[in-house]
């Protein structure tokens, strides 16, 4: 299966900025059976890339001089060769698994979250029960939190998602991560893409899910928004303690006035010529 992806992020400033810097986490972290066909990232100004403390490739675009708009564009294609029970990544891990138990940011757990998963706690500590517990948790969150646009934004914490019972993919992921950490299971946020076939009529966009650490298996993905474990049609870009640390594109500027960000994503199945925008 081959998929072409185009991702365009545009920042527009109400008043001209004199300096801005934008960080793009748009370089794939390939899993077993995945291969890049091509991958090109473009942006204005000076570009510099490095690998951060989580192992993500970060590309910084620095723009100087008066400007009101910054556009960062990705064009790429990848393929996956076989379906497996889950998408396995063999990247070296720069941090110990215990780091990902930090009660942090948008995936912070609270007494309300502990109560939500209290019945899972007796099984969560057993290595043999880890996989079924995590699948039970994924299904529970999928049933509890309806997928609805406009119910949240990128700053909505997990506890609020649980109370509202609605949100989008990053909300499902944050709640899953918070529940895992409450149970003593290391977990982290993943940003990336999934194939358009799984969108069920929703508009294409970058996607977010979670990974949990499982003894003898390593890091395994869980996507509560779709109630499945990611396979080869998911393409991983970056990991972090929450969305704020793994967001595909972020930016800062020197200037006044409001700023707006517009994102468009297009998927095309190269083997069938189908386009989703």
C-alpha atoms as a PDB file:
ATOM      1  CA  UNK A   1       0.000   0.000   0.000  1.00  0.00           C
ATOM      2  CA  UNK A   2       1.362   3.424  -0.968  1.00  0.00           C
ATOM      3  CA  UNK A   3       0.107   6.782   0.270  1.00  0.00           C
ATOM      4  CA  UNK A   4       1.053  10.322  -0.703  1.00  0.00           C
ATOM      5  CA  UNK A   5       0.717  13.034   1.946  1.00  0.00           C
ATOM      6  CA  UNK A   6       0.735  16.799   1.595  1.00  0.00           C
ATOM      7  CA  UNK A   7       0.639  18.931   4.732  1.00  0.00           C
ATOM      8  CA  UNK A   8       0.605  22.734   4.658  1.00  0.00           C
ATOM      9  CA  UNK A   9       0.679  24.974   7.740  1.00  0.00           C
ATOM     10  CA  UNK A  10       0.292  28.745   7.351  1.00  0.00           C
ATOM     11  CA  UNK A  11       0.741  31.307  10.120  1.00  0.00           C
ATOM     12  CA  UNK A  12      -0.798  34.739   9.448  1.00  0.00           C
ATOM     13  CA  UNK A  13      -0.112  37.776  11.651  1.00  0.00           C
ATOM     14  CA  UNK A  14      -2.489  40.719  12.060  1.00  0.00           C
ATOM     15  CA  UNK A  15       0.544  43.000  12.412  1.00  0.00           C
ATOM     16  CA  UNK A  16       3.910  42.458  10.818  1.00  0.00           C
ATOM     17  CA  UNK A  17       6.465  40.449  12.785  1.00  0.00           C
ATOM     18  CA  UNK A  18      10.158  41.303  12.805  1.00  0.00           C
ATOM     19  CA  UNK A  19      11.367  37.821  13.721  1.00  0.00           C
ATOM     20  CA  UNK A  20       9.755  34.395  14.008  1.00  0.00           C
ATOM     21  CA  UNK A  21      10.900  30.834  14.577  1.00  0.00           C
ATOM     22  CA  UNK A  22       8.870  27.728  13.815  1.00  0.00           C
ATOM     23  CA  UNK A  23       9.580  24.149  14.849  1.00  0.00           C
ATOM     24  CA  UNK A  24       8.384  21.344  12.572  1.00  0.00           C
ATOM     25  CA  UNK A  25       8.242  17.760  13.834  1.00  0.00           C
ATOM     26  CA  UNK A  26       7.392  16.317  10.449  1.00  0.00           C
ATOM     27  CA  UNK A  27      10.123  13.741   9.852  1.00  0.00           C
ATOM     28  CA  UNK A  28       8.779  10.159  10.116  1.00  0.00           C
ATOM     29  CA  UNK A  29       9.931   7.586  12.651  1.00  0.00           C
ATOM     30  CA  UNK A  30       9.398   4.474  10.553  1.00  0.00           C
ATOM     31  CA  UNK A  31       8.100   1.199  11.922  1.00  0.00           C
ATOM     32  CA  UNK A  32       8.770  -2.339  10.722  1.00  0.00           C
ATOM     33  CA  UNK A  33       7.525  -2.884   7.189  1.00  0.00           C
ATOM     34  CA  UNK A  34       7.357   0.850   6.392  1.00  0.00           C
ATOM     35  CA  UNK A  35       9.482   2.651   3.810  1.00  0.00           C
ATOM     36  CA  UNK A  36       9.696   6.255   2.644  1.00  0.00           C
ATOM     37  CA  UNK A  37       9.383   6.760  -1.098  1.00  0.00           C
ATOM     38  CA  UNK A  38      10.140  10.483  -0.878  1.00  0.00           C
ATOM     39  CA  UNK A  39       9.841  13.198   1.770  1.00  0.00           C
ATOM     40  CA  UNK A  40      10.453  16.934   1.315  1.00  0.00           C
ATOM     41  CA  UNK A  41       9.948  19.642   3.940  1.00  0.00           C
ATOM     42  CA  UNK A  42      10.062  23.301   2.894  1.00  0.00           C
ATOM     43  CA  UNK A  43       9.798  26.571   4.785  1.00  0.00           C
ATOM     44  CA  UNK A  44      11.047  30.165   4.652  1.00  0.00           C
ATOM     45  CA  UNK A  45      14.197  31.658   6.103  1.00  0.00           C
ATOM     46  CA  UNK A  46      17.064  29.663   7.523  1.00  0.00           C
ATOM     47  CA  UNK A  47      16.500  25.974   8.299  1.00  0.00           C
ATOM     48  CA  UNK A  48      18.318  23.828  10.844  1.00  0.00           C
ATOM     49  CA  UNK A  49      17.503  20.294  11.993  1.00  0.00           C
ATOM     50  CA  UNK A  50      18.438  18.310  15.094  1.00  0.00           C
ATOM     51  CA  UNK A  51      17.239  15.363  17.140  1.00  0.00           C
ATOM     52  CA  UNK A  52      15.651  16.304  20.469  1.00  0.00           C
ATOM     53  CA  UNK A  53      15.851  14.467  23.790  1.00  0.00           C
ATOM     54  CA  UNK A  54      12.919  12.222  22.840  1.00  0.00           C
ATOM     55  CA  UNK A  55      14.519  11.105  19.569  1.00  0.00           C
ATOM     56  CA  UNK A  56      12.288  13.301  17.357  1.00  0.00           C
ATOM     57  CA  UNK A  57      13.800  15.100  14.371  1.00  0.00           C
ATOM     58  CA  UNK A  58      12.963  18.810  14.727  1.00  0.00           C
ATOM     59  CA  UNK A  59      13.444  21.273  11.861  1.00  0.00           C
ATOM     60  CA  UNK A  60      13.541  24.966  12.811  1.00  0.00           C
ATOM     61  CA  UNK A  61      12.721  27.688  10.275  1.00  0.00           C
ATOM     62  CA  UNK A  62      13.945  31.133  11.355  1.00  0.00           C
ATOM     63  CA  UNK A  63      12.534  34.158   9.514  1.00  0.00           C
ATOM     64  CA  UNK A  64      13.959  37.649   9.935  1.00  0.00           C
ATOM     65  CA  UNK A  65      12.805  40.923   8.459  1.00  0.00           C
ATOM     66  CA  UNK A  66       9.262  42.238   8.287  1.00  0.00           C
ATOM     67  CA  UNK A  67       6.720  39.525   7.433  1.00  0.00           C
ATOM     68  CA  UNK A  68       3.023  38.796   7.931  1.00  0.00           C
ATOM     69  CA  UNK A  69       2.882  35.167   6.834  1.00  0.00           C
ATOM     70  CA  UNK A  70       4.897  31.973   7.226  1.00  0.00           C
ATOM     71  CA  UNK A  71       4.086  28.807   5.252  1.00  0.00           C
ATOM     72  CA  UNK A  72       5.625  25.391   5.968  1.00  0.00           C
ATOM     73  CA  UNK A  73       4.916  22.645   3.441  1.00  0.00           C
ATOM     74  CA  UNK A  74       5.478  18.917   3.432  1.00  0.00           C
ATOM     75  CA  UNK A  75       5.201  16.640   0.401  1.00  0.00           C
ATOM     76  CA  UNK A  76       5.966  12.976   0.801  1.00  0.00           C
ATOM     77  CA  UNK A  77       4.966   9.391   0.190  1.00  0.00           C
ATOM     78  CA  UNK A  78       5.414   6.136   2.059  1.00  0.00           C
ATOM     79  CA  UNK A  79       4.431   2.507   1.791  1.00  0.00           C
ATOM     80  CA  UNK A  80       3.863  -0.384   4.141  1.00  0.00           C
ATOM     81  CA  UNK A  81       4.550  -3.925   3.123  1.00  0.00           C
ATOM     82  CA  UNK A  82       2.523  -6.142   5.445  1.00  0.00           C
ATOM     83  CA  UNK A  83      -0.172  -6.005   8.066  1.00  0.00           C
ATOM     84  CA  UNK A  84       0.774  -7.014  11.614  1.00  0.00           C
ATOM     85  CA  UNK A  85      -1.036  -7.082  14.931  1.00  0.00           C
ATOM     86  CA  UNK A  86       0.557  -3.742  15.807  1.00  0.00           C
ATOM     87  CA  UNK A  87       3.115  -1.315  14.431  1.00  0.00           C
ATOM     88  CA  UNK A  88       6.503  -2.081  15.970  1.00  0.00           C
ATOM     89  CA  UNK A  89       9.259   0.526  16.188  1.00  0.00           C
ATOM     90  CA  UNK A  90      12.823  -0.443  16.936  1.00  0.00           C
ATOM     91  CA  UNK A  91      14.212   3.068  17.502  1.00  0.00           C
ATOM     92  CA  UNK A  92      16.726   3.258  20.359  1.00  0.00           C
ATOM     93  CA  UNK A  93      15.061   4.806  23.388  1.00  0.00           C
ATOM     94  CA  UNK A  94      17.009   7.787  24.788  1.00  0.00           C
ATOM     95  CA  UNK A  95      15.028   7.826  28.050  1.00  0.00           C
ATOM     96  CA  UNK A  96      14.062   5.107  30.549  1.00  0.00           C
ATOM     97  CA  UNK A  97      10.447   3.964  30.529  1.00  0.00           C
ATOM     98  CA  UNK A  98       9.906   5.402  34.026  1.00  0.00           C
ATOM     99  CA  UNK A  99      10.339   8.910  32.617  1.00  0.00           C
ATOM    100  CA  UNK A 100       6.983   8.509  30.874  1.00  0.00           C
ATOM    101  CA  UNK A 101       5.169   8.153  34.206  1.00  0.00           C
ATOM    102  CA  UNK A 102       5.536  11.914  34.816  1.00  0.00           C
ATOM    103  CA  UNK A 103       2.231  13.471  35.843  1.00  0.00           C
ATOM    104  CA  UNK A 104       2.519  16.320  33.391  1.00  0.00           C
ATOM    105  CA  UNK A 105       0.631  18.874  31.350  1.00  0.00           C
ATOM    106  CA  UNK A 106      -2.448  17.979  29.332  1.00  0.00           C
ATOM    107  CA  UNK A 107      -2.190  14.296  30.309  1.00  0.00           C
ATOM    108  CA  UNK A 108      -2.096  14.973  34.061  1.00  0.00           C
ATOM    109  CA  UNK A 109      -4.071  12.458  36.111  1.00  0.00           C
ATOM    110  CA  UNK A 110      -6.317  13.403  39.019  1.00  0.00           C
ATOM    111  CA  UNK A 111      -8.477  11.604  41.610  1.00  0.00           C
ATOM    112  CA  UNK A 112     -11.334  11.648  39.077  1.00  0.00           C
ATOM    113  CA  UNK A 113      -9.216   9.781  36.555  1.00  0.00           C
ATOM    114  CA  UNK A 114      -8.014   7.331  39.220  1.00  0.00           C
ATOM    115  CA  UNK A 115     -11.664   6.588  40.039  1.00  0.00           C
ATOM    116  CA  UNK A 116     -12.434   6.049  36.327  1.00  0.00           C
ATOM    117  CA  UNK A 117      -9.873   3.202  36.168  1.00  0.00           C
ATOM    118  CA  UNK A 118      -9.970   1.951  39.766  1.00  0.00           C
ATOM    119  CA  UNK A 119     -11.310  -1.465  38.767  1.00  0.00           C
ATOM    120  CA  UNK A 120      -8.379  -1.959  36.364  1.00  0.00           C
ATOM    121  CA  UNK A 121      -5.731  -1.247  38.996  1.00  0.00           C
ATOM    122  CA  UNK A 122      -5.513  -4.800  40.453  1.00  0.00           C
ATOM    123  CA  UNK A 123      -4.621  -6.204  36.993  1.00  0.00           C
ATOM    124  CA  UNK A 124      -2.461  -3.336  35.730  1.00  0.00           C
ATOM    125  CA  UNK A 125       0.643  -4.389  37.650  1.00  0.00           C
ATOM    126  CA  UNK A 126       0.783  -7.881  36.136  1.00  0.00           C
ATOM    127  CA  UNK A 127       2.954  -8.193  33.002  1.00  0.00           C
ATOM    128  CA  UNK A 128       0.702 -10.988  31.739  1.00  0.00           C
ATOM    129  CA  UNK A 129      -2.385  -8.773  32.055  1.00  0.00           C
ATOM    130  CA  UNK A 130      -0.871  -5.586  30.625  1.00  0.00           C
ATOM    131  CA  UNK A 131      -2.115  -6.078  27.053  1.00  0.00           C
ATOM    132  CA  UNK A 132      -5.742  -6.982  27.909  1.00  0.00           C
ATOM    133  CA  UNK A 133      -5.895  -4.152  30.484  1.00  0.00           C
ATOM    134  CA  UNK A 134      -4.770  -1.613  27.891  1.00  0.00           C
ATOM    135  CA  UNK A 135      -7.267  -2.870  25.318  1.00  0.00           C
ATOM    136  CA  UNK A 136     -10.020  -2.700  27.948  1.00  0.00           C
ATOM    137  CA  UNK A 137      -8.967   0.874  28.726  1.00  0.00           C
ATOM    138  CA  UNK A 138      -8.924   1.847  25.047  1.00  0.00           C
ATOM    139  CA  UNK A 139     -12.432   0.500  24.504  1.00  0.00           C
ATOM    140  CA  UNK A 140     -13.665   2.191  27.688  1.00  0.00           C
ATOM    141  CA  UNK A 141     -12.406   5.606  26.570  1.00  0.00           C
ATOM    142  CA  UNK A 142     -13.789   5.123  23.058  1.00  0.00           C
ATOM    143  CA  UNK A 143     -17.223   4.434  24.563  1.00  0.00           C
ATOM    144  CA  UNK A 144     -17.021   7.259  27.128  1.00  0.00           C
ATOM    145  CA  UNK A 145     -15.695  10.091  24.910  1.00  0.00           C
ATOM    146  CA  UNK A 146     -17.686  10.814  21.746  1.00  0.00           C
ATOM    147  CA  UNK A 147     -15.751  12.118  18.748  1.00  0.00           C
ATOM    148  CA  UNK A 148     -17.079  15.655  18.244  1.00  0.00           C
ATOM    149  CA  UNK A 149     -15.378  18.659  16.709  1.00  0.00           C
ATOM    150  CA  UNK A 150     -15.585  21.976  18.560  1.00  0.00           C
ATOM    151  CA  UNK A 151     -15.829  20.490  22.051  1.00  0.00           C
ATOM    152  CA  UNK A 152     -12.185  21.149  22.899  1.00  0.00           C
ATOM    153  CA  UNK A 153      -8.960  22.738  21.710  1.00  0.00           C
ATOM    154  CA  UNK A 154      -5.274  21.864  21.912  1.00  0.00           C
ATOM    155  CA  UNK A 155      -5.088  23.127  25.511  1.00  0.00           C
ATOM    156  CA  UNK A 156      -7.892  20.943  26.945  1.00  0.00           C
ATOM    157  CA  UNK A 157      -6.599  18.690  29.775  1.00  0.00           C
ATOM    158  CA  UNK A 158      -7.520  15.036  30.246  1.00  0.00           C
ATOM    159  CA  UNK A 159      -9.663  15.640  33.340  1.00  0.00           C
ATOM    160  CA  UNK A 160     -11.853  18.060  31.383  1.00  0.00           C
ATOM    161  CA  UNK A 161     -12.184  15.551  28.542  1.00  0.00           C
ATOM    162  CA  UNK A 162     -13.434  12.946  31.006  1.00  0.00           C
ATOM    163  CA  UNK A 163     -15.969  15.394  32.437  1.00  0.00           C
ATOM    164  CA  UNK A 164     -17.245  16.549  29.025  1.00  0.00           C
ATOM    165  CA  UNK A 165     -17.379  13.118  27.446  1.00  0.00           C
ATOM    166  CA  UNK A 166     -16.523  14.524  24.014  1.00  0.00           C
ATOM    167  CA  UNK A 167     -13.493  15.619  22.051  1.00  0.00           C
ATOM    168  CA  UNK A 168     -11.167  14.730  19.190  1.00  0.00           C
ATOM    169  CA  UNK A 169      -8.192  12.429  18.750  1.00  0.00           C
ATOM    170  CA  UNK A 170      -5.743  14.313  20.983  1.00  0.00           C
ATOM    171  CA  UNK A 171      -8.349  14.338  23.769  1.00  0.00           C
ATOM    172  CA  UNK A 172      -8.824  10.574  23.572  1.00  0.00           C
ATOM    173  CA  UNK A 173      -5.044  10.146  23.614  1.00  0.00           C
ATOM    174  CA  UNK A 174      -4.520  12.472  26.593  1.00  0.00           C
ATOM    175  CA  UNK A 175      -7.155  10.668  28.627  1.00  0.00           C
ATOM    176  CA  UNK A 176      -5.655   7.276  27.750  1.00  0.00           C
ATOM    177  CA  UNK A 177      -2.174   8.471  28.769  1.00  0.00           C
ATOM    178  CA  UNK A 178      -3.426   9.984  32.031  1.00  0.00           C
ATOM    179  CA  UNK A 179      -5.224   6.747  32.894  1.00  0.00           C
ATOM    180  CA  UNK A 180      -2.116   4.688  32.113  1.00  0.00           C
ATOM    181  CA  UNK A 181       0.105   6.828  34.310  1.00  0.00           C
ATOM    182  CA  UNK A 182      -2.465   6.697  37.097  1.00  0.00           C
ATOM    183  CA  UNK A 183      -2.220   2.887  36.865  1.00  0.00           C
ATOM    184  CA  UNK A 184       1.591   2.979  36.930  1.00  0.00           C
ATOM    185  CA  UNK A 185       1.972   2.204  33.201  1.00  0.00           C
ATOM    186  CA  UNK A 186       4.432   4.413  31.260  1.00  0.00           C
ATOM    187  CA  UNK A 187       2.644   6.133  28.369  1.00  0.00           C
ATOM    188  CA  UNK A 188       3.259   8.948  25.901  1.00  0.00           C
ATOM    189  CA  UNK A 189       1.626  11.019  23.163  1.00  0.00           C
ATOM    190  CA  UNK A 190       2.286  10.311  19.464  1.00  0.00           C
ATOM    191  CA  UNK A 191       1.661  12.676  16.563  1.00  0.00           C
ATOM    192  CA  UNK A 192       1.484  11.471  12.980  1.00  0.00           C
ATOM    193  CA  UNK A 193      -0.897  10.429  10.228  1.00  0.00           C
ATOM    194  CA  UNK A 194      -3.311   7.609   9.555  1.00  0.00           C
ATOM    195  CA  UNK A 195      -4.805   6.516   6.246  1.00  0.00           C
ATOM    196  CA  UNK A 196      -7.932   8.225   4.982  1.00  0.00           C
ATOM    197  CA  UNK A 197      -9.851   4.908   4.996  1.00  0.00           C
ATOM    198  CA  UNK A 198     -10.102   5.136   8.795  1.00  0.00           C
ATOM    199  CA  UNK A 199     -11.482   8.686   8.877  1.00  0.00           C
ATOM    200  CA  UNK A 200     -15.147   7.596   8.599  1.00  0.00           C
ATOM    201  CA  UNK A 201     -16.121  10.782   6.781  1.00  0.00           C
ATOM    202  CA  UNK A 202     -14.063  13.127   8.975  1.00  0.00           C
ATOM    203  CA  UNK A 203     -11.791  15.619   7.173  1.00  0.00           C
ATOM    204  CA  UNK A 204      -8.134  14.557   6.834  1.00  0.00           C
ATOM    205  CA  UNK A 205      -5.763  16.033   9.395  1.00  0.00           C
ATOM    206  CA  UNK A 206      -2.682  15.090  11.310  1.00  0.00           C
ATOM    207  CA  UNK A 207      -3.582  12.481  13.905  1.00  0.00           C
ATOM    208  CA  UNK A 208      -2.739  11.801  17.531  1.00  0.00           C
ATOM    209  CA  UNK A 209      -2.682   8.582  19.517  1.00  0.00           C
ATOM    210  CA  UNK A 210      -0.840   7.051  22.478  1.00  0.00           C
ATOM    211  CA  UNK A 211       1.889   4.513  23.134  1.00  0.00           C
ATOM    212  CA  UNK A 212       2.171   2.425  26.294  1.00  0.00           C
ATOM    213  CA  UNK A 213       5.156   0.413  27.483  1.00  0.00           C
ATOM    214  CA  UNK A 214       4.515  -3.326  27.642  1.00  0.00           C
ATOM    215  CA  UNK A 215       6.984  -5.827  29.140  1.00  0.00           C
ATOM    216  CA  UNK A 216       8.672  -8.003  26.492  1.00  0.00           C
ATOM    217  CA  UNK A 217       7.005  -6.049  23.658  1.00  0.00           C
ATOM    218  CA  UNK A 218       8.260  -2.486  24.162  1.00  0.00           C
ATOM    219  CA  UNK A 219       6.196   0.526  23.093  1.00  0.00           C
ATOM    220  CA  UNK A 220       2.827  -0.372  21.567  1.00  0.00           C
ATOM    221  CA  UNK A 221       0.384   2.112  20.039  1.00  0.00           C
ATOM    222  CA  UNK A 222      -3.246   2.565  21.112  1.00  0.00           C
ATOM    223  CA  UNK A 223      -5.706   4.824  19.278  1.00  0.00           C
ATOM    224  CA  UNK A 224      -8.770   5.299  21.500  1.00  0.00           C
ATOM    225  CA  UNK A 225     -10.405   7.627  18.968  1.00  0.00           C
ATOM    226  CA  UNK A 226     -10.753   4.629  16.629  1.00  0.00           C
ATOM    227  CA  UNK A 227     -10.488   1.842  19.244  1.00  0.00           C
ATOM    228  CA  UNK A 228      -7.627   0.072  17.455  1.00  0.00           C
ATOM    229  CA  UNK A 229      -3.897  -0.441  17.798  1.00  0.00           C
ATOM    230  CA  UNK A 230      -2.048   1.344  14.967  1.00  0.00           C
ATOM    231  CA  UNK A 231      -0.744  -0.819  12.143  1.00  0.00           C
ATOM    232  CA  UNK A 232       1.254  -0.010   9.010  1.00  0.00           C
ATOM    233  CA  UNK A 233      -1.139   2.636   7.684  1.00  0.00           C
ATOM    234  CA  UNK A 234      -0.237   4.863  10.652  1.00  0.00           C
ATOM    235  CA  UNK A 235       2.881   6.990  10.183  1.00  0.00           C
ATOM    236  CA  UNK A 236       4.568   8.169  13.390  1.00  0.00           C
ATOM    237  CA  UNK A 237       6.237  11.584  13.467  1.00  0.00           C
ATOM    238  CA  UNK A 238       7.022  12.522  17.068  1.00  0.00           C
ATOM    239  CA  UNK A 239       6.462  11.603  20.714  1.00  0.00           C
ATOM    240  CA  UNK A 240       6.122  13.703  23.865  1.00  0.00           C
ATOM    241  CA  UNK A 241       4.577  13.793  27.300  1.00  0.00           C
ATOM    242  CA  UNK A 242       1.522  15.407  25.690  1.00  0.00           C
ATOM    243  CA  UNK A 243       0.415  17.138  22.477  1.00  0.00           C
ATOM    244  CA  UNK A 244       2.264  20.337  23.350  1.00  0.00           C
ATOM    245  CA  UNK A 245       5.589  18.465  23.196  1.00  0.00           C
ATOM    246  CA  UNK A 246       4.860  16.509  20.009  1.00  0.00           C
ATOM    247  CA  UNK A 247       2.819  18.989  17.939  1.00  0.00           C
ATOM    248  CA  UNK A 248       3.632  18.799  14.210  1.00  0.00           C
ATOM    249  CA  UNK A 249       4.325  22.553  13.903  1.00  0.00           C
ATOM    250  CA  UNK A 250       4.699  25.258  16.547  1.00  0.00           C
ATOM    251  CA  UNK A 251       5.850  28.863  16.321  1.00  0.00           C
ATOM    252  CA  UNK A 252       6.884  32.027  18.153  1.00  0.00           C
ATOM    253  CA  UNK A 253       7.333  35.574  16.893  1.00  0.00           C
ATOM    254  CA  UNK A 254       8.422  39.076  17.785  1.00  0.00           C
ATOM    255  CA  UNK A 255       5.441  41.299  17.046  1.00  0.00           C
ATOM    256  CA  UNK A 256       2.038  42.477  18.216  1.00  0.00           C
ATOM    257  CA  UNK A 257      -1.537  41.647  17.263  1.00  0.00           C
ATOM    258  CA  UNK A 258      -3.375  38.407  16.780  1.00  0.00           C
ATOM    259  CA  UNK A 259      -2.045  35.401  14.911  1.00  0.00           C
ATOM    260  CA  UNK A 260      -3.940  32.651  13.112  1.00  0.00           C
ATOM    261  CA  UNK A 261      -2.836  29.202  12.005  1.00  0.00           C
ATOM    262  CA  UNK A 262      -4.390  27.339   9.074  1.00  0.00           C
ATOM    263  CA  UNK A 263      -3.615  23.668   8.408  1.00  0.00           C
ATOM    264  CA  UNK A 264      -4.535  21.561   5.399  1.00  0.00           C
ATOM    265  CA  UNK A 265      -3.726  17.894   4.863  1.00  0.00           C
ATOM    266  CA  UNK A 266      -4.252  15.794   1.739  1.00  0.00           C
ATOM    267  CA  UNK A 267      -3.951  11.999   1.417  1.00  0.00           C
ATOM    268  CA  UNK A 268      -3.823  10.160  -1.899  1.00  0.00           C
ATOM    269  CA  UNK A 269      -3.743   6.396  -2.347  1.00  0.00           C
ATOM    270  CA  UNK A 270      -1.097   6.063  -5.035  1.00  0.00           C
ATOM    271  CA  UNK A 271      -2.294   2.621  -6.067  1.00  0.00           C
ATOM    272  CA  UNK A 272      -5.876   3.760  -6.672  1.00  0.00           C
ATOM    273  CA  UNK A 273      -5.630   7.474  -7.392  1.00  0.00           C
ATOM    274  CA  UNK A 274      -8.188   8.331  -4.713  1.00  0.00           C
ATOM    275  CA  UNK A 275      -7.833  11.766  -3.112  1.00  0.00           C
ATOM    276  CA  UNK A 276      -9.074  12.940   0.283  1.00  0.00           C
ATOM    277  CA  UNK A 277      -8.770  16.576   1.349  1.00  0.00           C
END
